[in-house]
Structures are given as structure tokens and as C-alpha cells.
Amino acid sequence: MLESFVLSELSRQLTWSEQFVDLSHYRDQGRYEVDAVLENRSGQVVGFEVKAATTVGPDDFRGLRRLADRLGDDFIAGIVLYTGTSTLPYGDRLRAMPVSALWQVPPPTAD
């Protein structure tokens, strides 16, 4: 249920995004999966995995790591959204973030 909610929220947010982005799903023959893949017109990708758990571990990044290996420099970031409260690094371009990060807007930068 959480995965469906997150996918709906990502779809909704894409309607007002300043950048055109396609939303898809990744699965390969080795059964590696990524719940949501956002790709811009330049081919740059951000992947999202959704976990209904308060903790995450290295295995939760399995699909994101595979996608990163396949895309190389076009892979911008891989994010595991979970029900915990902390943002945690899990290697190069990989982070675990609370689901609530979907609604957090960064502060404007000073000019």
C-alpha cells in the first residue's frame, strides 16, 4: 500500500515539475527491481525503492545498485524511501530517506 501511495505522489508531483520526466519501473532478467525510475530527456535517472519498514539495510539497495551499474554516469541517485526518520548514506549516490521527504521543500537559496 505504501508503494502505491508513493508512486501516486510522485506522479502527482511530476505534473508541476519544471523538468519533463518519465516515470517507469525497472526489472531485469536477474529479478532486480526498482519501484520507481524517473528519467529526464537527457537520460539522467533517479531511482526510488519503497520499504514499509522503520529500518533499512544494504539488501534494500540491491536493485538500485544494479541500475547504477547499468547506467553509469546517467544514474544520478538511488533513494530508498522508508518509514524511519533519518536520512542515511549507503554508498556513492545512494541514500535512505523518510517517506516524508517527498513533501519537504528545500529552503530558497540567497542571491
C-alpha atoms as a PDB file:
ATOM      1  CA  MET A   1       0.000   0.000   0.000  1.00  0.00           C
ATOM      2  CA  LEU A   2       2.840   2.397   0.829  1.00  0.00           C
ATOM      3  CA  GLU A   3       4.419   1.742  -2.562  1.00  0.00           C
ATOM      4  CA  SER A   4       1.172   2.632  -4.360  1.00  0.00           C
ATOM      5  CA  PHE A   5       0.872   5.799  -2.296  1.00  0.00           C
ATOM      6  CA  VAL A   6       4.448   6.879  -3.094  1.00  0.00           C
ATOM      7  CA  LEU A   7       4.011   6.177  -6.807  1.00  0.00           C
ATOM      8  CA  SER A   8       0.811   8.231  -6.829  1.00  0.00           C
ATOM      9  CA  GLU A   9       2.554  11.084  -5.041  1.00  0.00           C
ATOM     10  CA  LEU A  10       5.496  11.026  -7.462  1.00  0.00           C
ATOM     11  CA  SER A  11       3.071  11.045 -10.410  1.00  0.00           C
ATOM     12  CA  ARG A  12       1.205  13.990  -8.917  1.00  0.00           C
ATOM     13  CA  GLN A  13       4.386  15.959  -8.317  1.00  0.00           C
ATOM     14  CA  LEU A  14       5.546  15.367 -11.877  1.00  0.00           C
ATOM     15  CA  THR A  15       2.549  17.361 -13.125  1.00  0.00           C
ATOM     16  CA  TRP A  16       4.066  20.593 -11.788  1.00  0.00           C
ATOM     17  CA  SER A  17       7.739  19.771 -12.259  1.00  0.00           C
ATOM     18  CA  GLU A  18       9.746  22.300 -14.256  1.00  0.00           C
ATOM     19  CA  GLN A  19      11.526  19.419 -15.996  1.00  0.00           C
ATOM     20  CA  PHE A  20       9.814  16.811 -18.188  1.00  0.00           C
ATOM     21  CA  VAL A  21      10.373  13.414 -16.556  1.00  0.00           C
ATOM     22  CA  ASP A  22       9.147   9.920 -17.393  1.00  0.00           C
ATOM     23  CA  LEU A  23       8.095   7.628 -14.542  1.00  0.00           C
ATOM     24  CA  SER A  24       8.668   3.910 -15.029  1.00  0.00           C
ATOM     25  CA  HIS A  25       9.597   0.698 -13.239  1.00  0.00           C
ATOM     26  CA  TYR A  26      12.793  -1.337 -13.633  1.00  0.00           C
ATOM     27  CA  ARG A  27      13.052  -5.116 -13.612  1.00  0.00           C
ATOM     28  CA  ASP A  28      15.631  -7.261 -15.356  1.00  0.00           C
ATOM     29  CA  GLN A  29      16.035 -10.965 -16.082  1.00  0.00           C
ATOM     30  CA  GLY A  30      18.002 -11.405 -12.850  1.00  0.00           C
ATOM     31  CA  ARG A  31      14.916 -10.274 -10.893  1.00  0.00           C
ATOM     32  CA  TYR A  32      16.491  -6.996  -9.847  1.00  0.00           C
ATOM     33  CA  GLU A  33      13.765  -4.375  -9.393  1.00  0.00           C
ATOM     34  CA  VAL A  34      13.395  -0.679  -8.704  1.00  0.00           C
ATOM     35  CA  ASP A  35       9.915   0.559  -7.768  1.00  0.00           C
ATOM     36  CA  ALA A  36      10.109   3.939  -9.495  1.00  0.00           C
ATOM     37  CA  VAL A  37      12.543   5.251 -12.080  1.00  0.00           C
ATOM     38  CA  LEU A  38      12.460   8.935 -13.023  1.00  0.00           C
ATOM     39  CA  GLU A  39      14.262   9.757 -16.265  1.00  0.00           C
ATOM     40  CA  ASN A  40      14.655  13.193 -17.799  1.00  0.00           C
ATOM     41  CA  ARG A  41      15.059  13.941 -21.510  1.00  0.00           C
ATOM     42  CA  SER A  42      18.852  13.877 -21.128  1.00  0.00           C
ATOM     43  CA  GLY A  43      18.689  10.266 -19.935  1.00  0.00           C
ATOM     44  CA  GLN A  44      19.600  11.084 -16.346  1.00  0.00           C
ATOM     45  CA  VAL A  45      17.919   8.767 -13.842  1.00  0.00           C
ATOM     46  CA  VAL A  46      16.876   8.819 -10.202  1.00  0.00           C
ATOM     47  CA  GLY A  47      15.589   5.537  -8.797  1.00  0.00           C
ATOM     48  CA  PHE A  48      13.289   5.025  -5.822  1.00  0.00           C
ATOM     49  CA  GLU A  49      12.719   1.898  -3.788  1.00  0.00           C
ATOM     50  CA  VAL A  50       9.879   1.937  -1.240  1.00  0.00           C
ATOM     51  CA  LYS A  51      10.096  -0.024   2.020  1.00  0.00           C
ATOM     52  CA  ALA A  52       7.353  -0.171   4.654  1.00  0.00           C
ATOM     53  CA  ALA A  53       9.907  -0.556   7.431  1.00  0.00           C
ATOM     54  CA  THR A  54      11.448   1.696  10.072  1.00  0.00           C
ATOM     55  CA  THR A  55      14.968   0.484   9.245  1.00  0.00           C
ATOM     56  CA  VAL A  56      16.873  -0.228   6.042  1.00  0.00           C
ATOM     57  CA  GLY A  57      19.895  -2.313   5.209  1.00  0.00           C
ATOM     58  CA  PRO A  58      22.279  -2.914   2.318  1.00  0.00           C
ATOM     59  CA  ASP A  59      19.980  -5.518   0.709  1.00  0.00           C
ATOM     60  CA  ASP A  60      17.293  -2.841   0.276  1.00  0.00           C
ATOM     61  CA  PHE A  61      19.598  -1.173  -2.271  1.00  0.00           C
ATOM     62  CA  ARG A  62      20.093  -4.294  -4.404  1.00  0.00           C
ATOM     63  CA  GLY A  63      18.016  -3.109  -7.371  1.00  0.00           C
ATOM     64  CA  LEU A  64      19.305   0.448  -7.171  1.00  0.00           C
ATOM     65  CA  ARG A  65      22.916  -0.762  -7.240  1.00  0.00           C
ATOM     66  CA  ARG A  66      22.185  -2.899 -10.299  1.00  0.00           C
ATOM     67  CA  LEU A  67      20.541   0.054 -12.048  1.00  0.00           C
ATOM     68  CA  ALA A  68      23.507   2.284 -11.156  1.00  0.00           C
ATOM     69  CA  ASP A  69      25.939  -0.277 -12.577  1.00  0.00           C
ATOM     70  CA  ARG A  70      23.973  -0.499 -15.827  1.00  0.00           C
ATOM     71  CA  LEU A  71      23.577   3.275 -16.301  1.00  0.00           C
ATOM     72  CA  GLY A  72      26.961   4.544 -15.148  1.00  0.00           C
ATOM     73  CA  ASP A  73      27.156   8.343 -15.086  1.00  0.00           C
ATOM     74  CA  ASP A  74      23.497   8.685 -16.131  1.00  0.00           C
ATOM     75  CA  PHE A  75      22.491   7.342 -12.718  1.00  0.00           C
ATOM     76  CA  ILE A  76      22.150  10.465 -10.570  1.00  0.00           C
ATOM     77  CA  ALA A  77      20.820   8.992  -7.313  1.00  0.00           C
ATOM     78  CA  GLY A  78      19.139   5.999  -5.740  1.00  0.00           C
ATOM     79  CA  ILE A  79      16.805   6.563  -2.823  1.00  0.00           C
ATOM     80  CA  VAL A  80      15.147   4.070  -0.522  1.00  0.00           C
ATOM     81  CA  LEU A  81      12.075   5.715   0.984  1.00  0.00           C
ATOM     82  CA  TYR A  82      11.184   4.170   4.328  1.00  0.00           C
ATOM     83  CA  THR A  83       9.060   4.883   7.396  1.00  0.00           C
ATOM     84  CA  GLY A  84      12.016   5.872   9.586  1.00  0.00           C
ATOM     85  CA  THR A  85      13.028   9.428  10.436  1.00  0.00           C
ATOM     86  CA  SER A  86      16.668   9.815   9.342  1.00  0.00           C
ATOM     87  CA  THR A  87      18.414  10.367   6.046  1.00  0.00           C
ATOM     88  CA  LEU A  88      21.281   7.901   5.815  1.00  0.00           C
ATOM     89  CA  PRO A  89      24.090   7.441   3.264  1.00  0.00           C
ATOM     90  CA  TYR A  90      24.508   3.959   1.770  1.00  0.00           C
ATOM     91  CA  GLY A  91      27.348   4.478  -0.664  1.00  0.00           C
ATOM     92  CA  ASP A  92      28.021   6.525  -3.752  1.00  0.00           C
ATOM     93  CA  ARG A  93      24.798   8.268  -4.859  1.00  0.00           C
ATOM     94  CA  LEU A  94      22.648   6.088  -2.561  1.00  0.00           C
ATOM     95  CA  ARG A  95      20.548   7.336   0.362  1.00  0.00           C
ATOM     96  CA  ALA A  96      17.793   6.122   2.643  1.00  0.00           C
ATOM     97  CA  MET A  97      15.249   8.856   3.303  1.00  0.00           C
ATOM     98  CA  PRO A  98      11.983   9.077   5.219  1.00  0.00           C
ATOM     99  CA  VAL A  99       8.844   8.982   3.079  1.00  0.00           C
ATOM    100  CA  SER A 100       8.070  12.433   4.484  1.00  0.00           C
ATOM    101  CA  ALA A 101      10.959  13.784   2.364  1.00  0.00           C
ATOM    102  CA  LEU A 102       8.508  13.753  -0.552  1.00  0.00           C
ATOM    103  CA  TRP A 103       6.873  16.860   0.962  1.00  0.00           C
ATOM    104  CA  GLN A 104       9.917  18.670   2.289  1.00  0.00           C
ATOM    105  CA  VAL A 105      10.906  21.629   0.195  1.00  0.00           C
ATOM    106  CA  PRO A 106      14.477  22.875   0.481  1.00  0.00           C
ATOM    107  CA  PRO A 107      14.816  26.486   1.606  1.00  0.00           C
ATOM    108  CA  PRO A 108      15.383  29.047  -1.156  1.00  0.00           C
ATOM    109  CA  THR A 109      18.976  29.977  -1.792  1.00  0.00           C
ATOM    110  CA  ALA A 110      20.132  33.505  -1.027  1.00  0.00           C
ATOM    111  CA  ASP A 111      21.202  35.556  -4.012  1.00  0.00           C
END
